[in-house]
C-alpha atoms as a PDB file:
ATOM      1  CA  MET A   1       0.118 -10.137 -13.950  1.00  0.00           C
ATOM      2  CA  LYS A   2      -0.609  -6.518 -14.899  1.00  0.00           C
ATOM      3  CA  GLN A   3       0.979  -4.022 -12.507  1.00  0.00           C
ATOM      4  CA  GLU A   4       0.602  -0.261 -12.427  1.00  0.00           C
ATOM      5  CA  ILE A   5       3.034   1.900 -10.442  1.00  0.00           C
ATOM      6  CA  ILE A   6       1.206   4.665  -8.549  1.00  0.00           C
ATOM      7  CA  ASP A   7       2.835   7.893  -7.446  1.00  0.00           C
ATOM      8  CA  SER A   8       2.345   7.769  -3.678  1.00  0.00           C
ATOM      9  CA  GLY A   9       3.790  11.200  -3.060  1.00  0.00           C
ATOM     10  CA  ASN A  10       6.188   9.611  -0.584  1.00  0.00           C
ATOM     11  CA  GLU A  11       9.719   8.743  -1.680  1.00  0.00           C
ATOM     12  CA  TRP A  12      10.062   6.012   0.973  1.00  0.00           C
ATOM     13  CA  PHE A  13       7.179   3.880  -0.384  1.00  0.00           C
ATOM     14  CA  ASP A  14       6.496   2.498  -3.841  1.00  0.00           C
ATOM     15  CA  VAL A  15       2.855   1.604  -4.496  1.00  0.00           C
ATOM     16  CA  ILE A  16       1.915  -0.992  -7.093  1.00  0.00           C
ATOM     17  CA  LYS A  17      -1.715  -1.463  -8.163  1.00  0.00           C
ATOM     18  CA  LEU A  18      -2.460  -5.159  -8.560  1.00  0.00           C
ATOM     19  CA  PRO A  19      -5.619  -6.750 -10.046  1.00  0.00           C
ATOM     20  CA  GLY A  20      -8.858  -5.869  -8.241  1.00  0.00           C
ATOM     21  CA  ASN A  21      -8.671  -3.422  -5.369  1.00  0.00           C
ATOM     22  CA  VAL A  22      -5.301  -4.691  -4.148  1.00  0.00           C
ATOM     23  CA  TYR A  23      -2.224  -2.532  -3.655  1.00  0.00           C
ATOM     24  CA  ALA A  24       1.310  -3.648  -2.836  1.00  0.00           C
ATOM     25  CA  ILE A  25       3.120  -1.101  -0.686  1.00  0.00           C
ATOM     26  CA  VAL A  26       6.861  -1.592  -0.973  1.00  0.00           C
ATOM     27  CA  GLU A  27       9.511  -0.070   1.281  1.00  0.00           C
ATOM     28  CA  GLU A  28      12.450  -0.200  -1.135  1.00  0.00           C
ATOM     29  CA  GLY A  29      14.523   2.010   1.182  1.00  0.00           C
ATOM     30  CA  HIS A  30      14.217  -0.436   4.071  1.00  0.00           C
ATOM     31  CA  ILE A  31      17.086  -2.876   4.463  1.00  0.00           C
ATOM     32  CA  GLN A  32      14.621  -5.794   4.528  1.00  0.00           C
ATOM     33  CA  ASN A  33      12.769  -4.621   1.365  1.00  0.00           C
ATOM     34  CA  VAL A  34       9.395  -4.851   3.147  1.00  0.00           C
ATOM     35  CA  ARG A  35       6.170  -5.518   1.214  1.00  0.00           C
ATOM     36  CA  SER A  36       2.700  -5.016   2.598  1.00  0.00           C
ATOM     37  CA  PHE A  37      -0.694  -5.301   0.931  1.00  0.00           C
ATOM     38  CA  LEU A  38      -3.820  -3.142   1.148  1.00  0.00           C
ATOM     39  CA  ILE A  39      -7.017  -4.908   0.047  1.00  0.00           C
ATOM     40  CA  ILE A  40     -10.079  -2.689  -0.354  1.00  0.00           C
ATOM     41  CA  GLY A  41     -13.438  -4.448  -0.203  1.00  0.00           C
ATOM     42  CA  SER A  42     -16.950  -3.077  -0.614  1.00  0.00           C
ATOM     43  CA  LYS A  43     -17.441  -2.703   3.172  1.00  0.00           C
ATOM     44  CA  ASN A  44     -14.022  -3.183   4.784  1.00  0.00           C
ATOM     45  CA  ILE A  45     -10.327  -2.907   4.129  1.00  0.00           C
ATOM     46  CA  LEU A  46      -7.554  -5.277   5.137  1.00  0.00           C
ATOM     47  CA  LEU A  47      -3.915  -4.324   5.501  1.00  0.00           C
ATOM     48  CA  PHE A  48      -1.281  -7.058   5.656  1.00  0.00           C
ATOM     49  CA  ASP A  49       1.439  -4.999   7.315  1.00  0.00           C
ATOM     50  CA  THR A  50       4.811  -6.739   7.203  1.00  0.00           C
ATOM     51  CA  GLY A  51       6.940  -3.786   8.223  1.00  0.00           C
ATOM     52  CA  ILE A  52       7.116  -0.521  10.056  1.00  0.00           C
ATOM     53  CA  GLY A  53       5.850   2.838   8.956  1.00  0.00           C
ATOM     54  CA  ASN A  54       3.058   5.373   9.132  1.00  0.00           C
ATOM     55  CA  TRP A  55       0.264   3.461   7.385  1.00  0.00           C
ATOM     56  CA  GLN A  56      -2.428   5.980   8.227  1.00  0.00           C
ATOM     57  CA  TYR A  57      -0.516   8.550   6.166  1.00  0.00           C
ATOM     58  CA  GLN A  58       0.318   6.190   3.299  1.00  0.00           C
ATOM     59  CA  GLY A  59      -3.011   4.397   3.288  1.00  0.00           C
ATOM     60  CA  SER A  60      -4.993   7.636   3.173  1.00  0.00           C
ATOM     61  CA  SER A  61      -3.601   8.324  -0.294  1.00  0.00           C
ATOM     62  CA  LEU A  62      -5.194   5.061  -1.488  1.00  0.00           C
ATOM     63  CA  TYR A  63      -8.390   4.870   0.597  1.00  0.00           C
ATOM     64  CA  SER A  64     -10.615   7.730   1.733  1.00  0.00           C
ATOM     65  CA  GLY A  65     -12.543   5.839   4.430  1.00  0.00           C
ATOM     66  CA  THR A  66     -11.741   5.378   8.116  1.00  0.00           C
ATOM     67  CA  PHE A  67      -8.826   3.189   9.171  1.00  0.00           C
END
């Protein structure tokens, strides 16, 4: 699977672009090594949030619409 690392501008999160409009958001600094996924559709977005954090801040660097 092709993966592209994206500079999120936030040292706490690593962002990996997956196929389609899917992003893995990884909290490497968290003891539980949390992974969440942002899926951007044509009309809606879906965030599978498996951890804690300020997703409005992090998500806004990937998606310009309303959360």
